[in-house]
Amino acid sequence: MFQNWAKEGVTSEGVKAALVGCGYDNPYTGFQAYKHVSIDDLASASQCMKRNGFHYLLGDGKIICDIEQWSSLSVCR
């Protein structure tokens, strides 16, 4: 998971710390496999990373809130 995010000048340890600070409970997988995670939790955590200047590296770089079907979530506004 931590490999999916980057910010200039931030080491992998810094990315891991930012992920945890934004609500992900495991910087390697995002969230624990046994934990039920809502779409709001996922959107909120990824929004936090973007607010902190990180860029999502997978695909076209879009996070949940950038996808039209999810952009109306309250955490995305």
C-alpha atoms as a PDB file:
ATOM      1  CA  MET A   1       0.000   0.000   0.000  1.00  0.00           C
ATOM      2  CA  PHE A   2       2.699   2.489   0.935  1.00  0.00           C
ATOM      3  CA  GLN A   3       4.266   1.978  -2.508  1.00  0.00           C
ATOM      4  CA  ASN A   4       1.081   3.412  -4.070  1.00  0.00           C
ATOM      5  CA  TRP A   5       1.656   6.898  -2.633  1.00  0.00           C
ATOM      6  CA  ALA A   6       4.476   9.397  -3.085  1.00  0.00           C
ATOM      7  CA  LYS A   7       5.465  12.903  -2.102  1.00  0.00           C
ATOM      8  CA  GLU A   8       8.650  14.599  -3.140  1.00  0.00           C
ATOM      9  CA  GLY A   9      11.266  14.391  -0.402  1.00  0.00           C
ATOM     10  CA  VAL A  10       9.350  11.837   1.667  1.00  0.00           C
ATOM     11  CA  THR A  11      10.914   8.441   2.368  1.00  0.00           C
ATOM     12  CA  SER A  12       8.959   5.185   2.421  1.00  0.00           C
ATOM     13  CA  GLU A  13       8.932   5.417   6.231  1.00  0.00           C
ATOM     14  CA  GLY A  14       7.378   8.861   5.941  1.00  0.00           C
ATOM     15  CA  VAL A  15       4.714   7.537   3.582  1.00  0.00           C
ATOM     16  CA  LYS A  16       3.926   4.722   6.026  1.00  0.00           C
ATOM     17  CA  ALA A  17       3.587   7.215   8.881  1.00  0.00           C
ATOM     18  CA  ALA A  18       1.319   9.444   6.792  1.00  0.00           C
ATOM     19  CA  LEU A  19      -0.920   6.502   5.885  1.00  0.00           C
ATOM     20  CA  VAL A  20      -1.355   5.582   9.540  1.00  0.00           C
ATOM     21  CA  GLY A  21      -1.926   9.238  10.403  1.00  0.00           C
ATOM     22  CA  CYS A  22      -4.669   9.399   7.797  1.00  0.00           C
ATOM     23  CA  GLY A  23      -6.538   6.420   9.193  1.00  0.00           C
ATOM     24  CA  TYR A  24      -5.117   3.411   7.414  1.00  0.00           C
ATOM     25  CA  ASP A  25      -4.326   0.872  10.097  1.00  0.00           C
ATOM     26  CA  ASN A  26      -1.744  -1.040   8.059  1.00  0.00           C
ATOM     27  CA  PRO A  27       0.667   0.792   5.745  1.00  0.00           C
ATOM     28  CA  TYR A  28       1.396  -2.433   3.864  1.00  0.00           C
ATOM     29  CA  THR A  29      -2.183  -3.435   3.017  1.00  0.00           C
ATOM     30  CA  GLY A  30      -4.223  -0.312   3.843  1.00  0.00           C
ATOM     31  CA  PHE A  31      -6.571  -1.938   6.282  1.00  0.00           C
ATOM     32  CA  GLN A  32      -6.477  -5.232   8.140  1.00  0.00           C
ATOM     33  CA  ALA A  33      -8.075  -8.014   6.116  1.00  0.00           C
ATOM     34  CA  TYR A  34     -10.545  -8.883   8.861  1.00  0.00           C
ATOM     35  CA  LYS A  35     -11.739  -5.322   9.340  1.00  0.00           C
ATOM     36  CA  HIS A  36     -14.886  -4.120   7.604  1.00  0.00           C
ATOM     37  CA  VAL A  37     -14.065  -0.811   5.978  1.00  0.00           C
ATOM     38  CA  SER A  38     -16.748   1.438   4.561  1.00  0.00           C
ATOM     39  CA  ILE A  39     -16.383   3.380   1.346  1.00  0.00           C
ATOM     40  CA  ASP A  40     -16.484   6.531   3.502  1.00  0.00           C
ATOM     41  CA  ASP A  41     -13.475   5.288   5.498  1.00  0.00           C
ATOM     42  CA  LEU A  42     -11.554   4.572   2.303  1.00  0.00           C
ATOM     43  CA  ALA A  43     -12.478   7.922   0.762  1.00  0.00           C
ATOM     44  CA  SER A  44     -11.636   9.842   3.930  1.00  0.00           C
ATOM     45  CA  ALA A  45      -8.215   8.216   4.267  1.00  0.00           C
ATOM     46  CA  SER A  46      -7.278   8.843   0.639  1.00  0.00           C
ATOM     47  CA  GLN A  47      -8.559  12.431   0.812  1.00  0.00           C
ATOM     48  CA  CYS A  48      -6.322  12.953   3.842  1.00  0.00           C
ATOM     49  CA  MET A  49      -3.299  11.724   1.917  1.00  0.00           C
ATOM     50  CA  LYS A  50      -4.022  14.116  -0.956  1.00  0.00           C
ATOM     51  CA  ARG A  51      -4.579  17.031   1.455  1.00  0.00           C
ATOM     52  CA  ASN A  52      -1.150  16.261   2.879  1.00  0.00           C
ATOM     53  CA  GLY A  53       0.437  16.596  -0.553  1.00  0.00           C
ATOM     54  CA  PHE A  54       0.746  12.929  -1.515  1.00  0.00           C
ATOM     55  CA  HIS A  55       0.034  11.638  -5.003  1.00  0.00           C
ATOM     56  CA  TYR A  56      -1.626   8.313  -5.746  1.00  0.00           C
ATOM     57  CA  LEU A  57       0.565   6.412  -8.198  1.00  0.00           C
ATOM     58  CA  LEU A  58      -1.681   3.632  -9.477  1.00  0.00           C
ATOM     59  CA  GLY A  59      -3.697   3.751 -12.662  1.00  0.00           C
ATOM     60  CA  ASP A  60      -4.473   7.308 -13.632  1.00  0.00           C
ATOM     61  CA  GLY A  61      -3.813   8.627 -10.123  1.00  0.00           C
ATOM     62  CA  LYS A  62      -7.469   8.966  -9.244  1.00  0.00           C
ATOM     63  CA  ILE A  63      -8.643   8.295  -5.720  1.00  0.00           C
ATOM     64  CA  ILE A  64     -12.200   7.323  -4.766  1.00  0.00           C
ATOM     65  CA  CYS A  65     -13.432  10.912  -4.604  1.00  0.00           C
ATOM     66  CA  ASP A  66     -12.177  11.546  -8.141  1.00  0.00           C
ATOM     67  CA  ILE A  67     -14.461   8.845  -9.526  1.00  0.00           C
ATOM     68  CA  GLU A  68     -17.833  10.217 -10.598  1.00  0.00           C
ATOM     69  CA  GLN A  69     -19.926   7.520  -8.935  1.00  0.00           C
ATOM     70  CA  TRP A  70     -18.335   8.250  -5.533  1.00  0.00           C
ATOM     71  CA  SER A  71     -17.688  11.985  -5.808  1.00  0.00           C
ATOM     72  CA  SER A  72     -20.963  12.865  -4.066  1.00  0.00           C
ATOM     73  CA  LEU A  73     -19.940  11.164  -0.808  1.00  0.00           C
ATOM     74  CA  SER A  74     -20.009  13.647   2.055  1.00  0.00           C
ATOM     75  CA  VAL A  75     -16.319  13.009   2.807  1.00  0.00           C
ATOM     76  CA  CYS A  76     -15.466  13.983  -0.765  1.00  0.00           C
ATOM     77  CA  ARG A  77     -16.865  17.498  -0.504  1.00  0.00           C
END
